[in-house]
């Protein structure tokens, strides 16, 4: 990565990322309600943009997802949360890939790393979809990691939408977990989703890939 403009963009992005991460905080429900009163019919747009901004950082998106269900109801809340999740993931992928992948990829020369990269290039959607279904895997960290691989943008976006849908829908519907009392049904369903995600990873690991031992760029 010798382009001075890209280096400058990377430095600016790193400084902005750290500054925003330190200053940014997930607004509580009372604050969101106040914003809703102030912005009126534009509040869904404000909430959607805020959701995308917050999920660019390693900050749990659960509070925003629950708030979507409380503030907008089940249908609109799910629509807002799921579309914002998908757009946020794609934006993260594109930003990190533009800034870092061309510099990092030539250094990833270990055969096992090349094999993983090839697998993600051929069938990355299955791995991403499976990982999205496991609640314990941070949303933003997966975005950053995927950006440094060869997974293609469209399969990544579709897999993010489908893989994030079950958990996002459940968290939006079960907004009553905001009280701090975890619903046992909610926990059981999340566990089933995690098992399904792990099963998808195991299936992906057993499927063959085309042989391509070297990087092409």
Protein backbone atom coordinates (compact mmCIF):
# COMPACT_ATOMS: atom_id res chain seq x y z
CA UNK A 1 0.00 0.00 0.00
CA UNK A 2 2.31 2.76 -1.31
CA UNK A 3 -0.32 5.22 -2.49
CA UNK A 4 0.12 8.34 -0.29
CA UNK A 5 -3.56 9.16 -0.60
CA UNK A 6 -4.54 5.75 0.71
CA UNK A 7 -2.06 6.02 3.56
CA UNK A 8 -3.47 9.43 4.47
CA UNK A 9 -7.02 8.08 4.29
CA UNK A 10 -6.03 5.20 6.54
CA UNK A 11 -4.50 7.51 9.14
CA UNK A 12 -7.56 9.77 9.11
CA UNK A 13 -9.86 6.76 9.38
CA UNK A 14 -7.92 5.32 12.34
CA UNK A 15 -7.95 8.64 14.21
CA UNK A 16 -11.65 9.17 13.50
CA UNK A 17 -12.46 5.59 14.49
CA UNK A 18 -10.68 5.84 17.84
CA UNK A 19 -12.15 9.27 18.59
CA UNK A 20 -15.70 8.24 17.76
CA UNK A 21 -15.35 4.95 19.62
CA UNK A 22 -14.29 6.82 22.75
CA UNK A 23 -17.00 9.46 22.45
CA UNK A 24 -19.87 7.44 21.04
CA UNK A 25 -22.32 5.83 23.41
CA UNK A 26 -25.47 3.85 22.76
CA UNK A 27 -28.37 6.14 23.73
CA UNK A 28 -30.73 4.77 26.34
CA UNK A 29 -34.44 4.28 25.70
CA UNK A 30 -35.41 7.56 27.38
CA UNK A 31 -33.05 9.49 25.12
CA UNK A 32 -34.41 7.75 22.04
CA UNK A 33 -37.98 8.60 23.09
CA UNK A 34 -36.97 12.25 23.49
CA UNK A 35 -35.43 12.24 20.02
CA UNK A 36 -38.61 10.68 18.68
CA UNK A 37 -40.65 13.57 20.10
CA UNK A 38 -38.23 16.12 18.64
CA UNK A 39 -37.86 14.70 15.14
CA UNK A 40 -41.43 13.48 14.66
CA UNK A 41 -42.02 11.54 11.42
CA UNK A 42 -38.29 11.67 10.58
CA UNK A 43 -37.33 9.67 13.67
CA UNK A 44 -37.32 6.25 11.88
CA UNK A 45 -34.72 7.64 9.47
CA UNK A 46 -32.67 9.12 12.33
CA UNK A 47 -32.85 5.83 14.24
CA UNK A 48 -31.85 3.82 11.15
CA UNK A 49 -28.82 6.02 10.46
CA UNK A 50 -27.81 5.94 14.13
CA UNK A 51 -28.08 2.14 14.12
CA UNK A 52 -25.73 1.95 11.12
CA UNK A 53 -23.26 4.37 12.72
CA UNK A 54 -23.14 2.55 16.06
CA UNK A 55 -22.67 -0.87 14.48
CA UNK A 56 -19.55 0.30 12.65
CA UNK A 57 -17.80 0.01 16.02
CA UNK A 58 -17.25 -2.95 18.35
CA UNK A 59 -20.32 -1.98 20.37
CA UNK A 60 -23.11 -4.52 21.01
CA UNK A 61 -26.11 -3.72 18.84
CA UNK A 62 -28.57 -5.51 21.12
CA UNK A 63 -29.81 -2.34 22.82
CA UNK A 64 -30.59 -0.72 19.47
CA UNK A 65 -32.38 -3.84 18.26
CA UNK A 66 -34.50 -4.08 21.40
CA UNK A 67 -35.24 -0.36 21.20
CA UNK A 68 -36.41 -0.83 17.62
CA UNK A 69 -39.07 -3.25 18.81
CA UNK A 70 -40.14 -1.04 21.71
CA UNK A 71 -40.26 2.21 19.74
CA UNK A 72 -41.62 1.03 16.40
CA UNK A 73 -43.44 -2.21 17.08
CA UNK A 74 -42.69 -5.64 15.72
CA UNK A 75 -43.03 -5.17 11.95
CA UNK A 76 -41.44 -1.76 11.53
CA UNK A 77 -38.88 -2.49 14.24
CA UNK A 78 -37.72 -5.67 12.51
CA UNK A 79 -37.59 -3.91 9.14
CA UNK A 80 -35.50 -1.05 10.52
CA UNK A 81 -33.14 -3.24 12.57
CA UNK A 82 -32.56 -5.87 9.89
CA UNK A 83 -31.98 -3.46 7.01
CA UNK A 84 -29.69 -1.30 9.16
CA UNK A 85 -27.74 -4.40 10.21
CA UNK A 86 -27.27 -5.48 6.60
CA UNK A 87 -26.24 -2.04 5.34
CA UNK A 88 -23.89 -1.54 8.30
CA UNK A 89 -22.15 -4.84 7.65
CA UNK A 90 -21.60 -4.05 3.98
CA UNK A 91 -20.31 -0.55 4.73
CA UNK A 92 -17.81 -1.95 7.25
CA UNK A 93 -16.64 -4.55 4.75
CA UNK A 94 -16.07 -1.99 2.01
CA UNK A 95 -14.31 0.56 4.23
CA UNK A 96 -11.89 -1.89 5.84
CA UNK A 97 -11.24 -3.65 2.54
CA UNK A 98 -10.44 -0.38 0.77
CA UNK A 99 -8.07 0.76 3.51
CA UNK A 100 -6.30 -2.43 4.54
CA UNK A 101 -6.73 -5.55 2.42
CA UNK A 102 -4.30 -4.63 -0.38
CA UNK A 103 -1.61 -4.13 2.26
CA UNK A 104 -2.40 -7.19 4.38
CA UNK A 105 -3.23 -9.80 1.72
CA UNK A 106 0.30 -10.15 0.21
CA UNK A 107 1.55 -10.98 3.71
CA UNK A 108 -0.96 -13.80 4.20
CA UNK A 109 1.14 -16.45 2.53
CA UNK A 110 0.80 -19.38 4.92
CA UNK A 111 -0.86 -22.35 3.14
CA UNK A 112 -3.61 -22.63 5.79
CA UNK A 113 -4.44 -18.95 5.41
CA UNK A 114 -4.53 -19.29 1.63
CA UNK A 115 -6.86 -22.26 1.98
CA UNK A 116 -9.24 -20.30 4.20
CA UNK A 117 -9.13 -17.35 1.82
CA UNK A 118 -9.94 -19.59 -1.13
CA UNK A 119 -12.80 -21.21 0.75
CA UNK A 120 -14.27 -17.82 1.58
CA UNK A 121 -13.90 -16.68 -2.02
CA UNK A 122 -15.74 -19.73 -3.34
CA UNK A 123 -18.34 -20.25 -0.65
CA UNK A 124 -17.98 -17.39 1.83
CA UNK A 125 -21.73 -16.91 2.07
CA UNK A 126 -22.15 -20.19 3.99
CA UNK A 127 -19.48 -19.33 6.56
CA UNK A 128 -20.80 -15.79 7.03
CA UNK A 129 -24.41 -16.98 7.27
CA UNK A 130 -23.45 -19.59 9.87
CA UNK A 131 -21.37 -17.17 11.94
CA UNK A 132 -24.16 -14.57 11.91
CA UNK A 133 -26.45 -17.08 13.59
CA UNK A 134 -24.12 -17.45 16.58
CA UNK A 135 -24.97 -14.69 19.05
CA UNK A 136 -21.60 -14.74 20.78
CA UNK A 137 -19.66 -13.62 17.69
CA UNK A 138 -19.37 -9.80 17.64
CA UNK A 139 -21.07 -8.31 14.61
CA UNK A 140 -18.46 -5.64 13.88
CA UNK A 141 -15.43 -7.91 14.42
CA UNK A 142 -16.80 -10.37 11.87
CA UNK A 143 -17.21 -7.49 9.41
CA UNK A 144 -13.60 -6.40 9.88
CA UNK A 145 -12.28 -9.94 9.55
CA UNK A 146 -14.32 -10.72 6.45
CA UNK A 147 -13.05 -7.53 4.82
CA UNK A 148 -9.50 -8.91 4.92
CA UNK A 149 -10.51 -12.07 3.06
CA UNK A 150 -11.71 -12.72 -0.48
CA UNK A 151 -15.37 -13.16 0.38
CA UNK A 152 -17.37 -11.34 -2.28
CA UNK A 153 -19.53 -8.35 -1.39
CA UNK A 154 -22.91 -9.56 -2.71
CA UNK A 155 -22.76 -13.03 -1.08
CA UNK A 156 -21.55 -11.37 2.14
CA UNK A 157 -24.48 -8.94 2.11
CA UNK A 158 -27.08 -11.62 1.40
CA UNK A 159 -25.59 -13.94 4.02
CA UNK A 160 -25.59 -11.12 6.56
CA UNK A 161 -29.25 -10.40 5.85
CA UNK A 162 -30.36 -14.03 6.10
CA UNK A 163 -28.02 -15.05 8.92
CA UNK A 164 -28.82 -12.01 11.05
CA UNK A 165 -32.57 -12.28 10.50
CA UNK A 166 -33.46 -14.93 13.12
CA UNK A 167 -31.56 -13.31 15.97
CA UNK A 168 -32.59 -9.78 15.01
CA UNK A 169 -36.25 -10.77 14.78
CA UNK A 170 -36.12 -12.53 18.14
CA UNK A 171 -34.36 -9.68 19.92
CA UNK A 172 -36.80 -7.18 18.46
CA UNK A 173 -39.83 -9.22 19.50
CA UNK A 174 -38.54 -10.04 22.95
CA UNK A 175 -38.03 -6.43 23.93
CA UNK A 176 -39.12 -7.32 27.43
CA UNK A 177 -35.56 -8.57 28.08
CA UNK A 178 -34.75 -4.90 28.65
CA UNK A 179 -36.12 -5.44 32.15
CA UNK A 180 -33.16 -7.71 32.85
CA UNK A 181 -35.23 -10.86 33.18
CA UNK A 182 -34.13 -13.21 30.42
CA UNK A 183 -36.98 -15.10 28.82
CA UNK A 184 -36.16 -18.85 28.88
CA UNK A 185 -37.83 -19.35 25.50
CA UNK A 186 -35.66 -16.60 24.06
CA UNK A 187 -32.50 -18.22 25.45
CA UNK A 188 -33.52 -21.64 24.12
CA UNK A 189 -34.13 -20.30 20.61
CA UNK A 190 -30.81 -18.45 20.60
CA UNK A 191 -29.10 -21.69 21.62
CA UNK A 192 -30.79 -23.51 18.73
CA UNK A 193 -29.60 -20.81 16.33
CA UNK A 194 -26.05 -21.14 17.66
CA UNK A 195 -26.16 -24.90 17.08
CA UNK A 196 -27.48 -24.32 13.56
CA UNK A 197 -24.66 -21.86 12.91
CA UNK A 198 -22.03 -24.32 14.13
CA UNK A 199 -23.59 -27.03 11.98
CA UNK A 200 -23.28 -24.74 8.96
CA UNK A 201 -19.60 -24.20 9.69
CA UNK A 202 -19.02 -27.95 9.96
CA UNK A 203 -20.81 -28.56 6.66
CA UNK A 204 -18.74 -25.83 5.01
CA UNK A 205 -15.53 -27.36 6.37
CA UNK A 206 -16.37 -30.73 4.82
CA UNK A 207 -17.22 -29.41 1.36
CA UNK A 208 -14.33 -29.44 -1.14
CA UNK A 209 -12.84 -26.37 -2.76
CA UNK A 210 -11.05 -25.84 -6.05
CA UNK A 211 -7.26 -26.02 -5.83
CA UNK A 212 -5.69 -22.57 -6.07
CA UNK A 213 -2.44 -22.38 -4.12
CA UNK A 214 -1.38 -18.84 -5.00
CA UNK A 215 -2.82 -15.38 -4.67
CA UNK A 216 -3.94 -13.74 -7.85
CA UNK A 217 -3.59 -10.16 -6.68
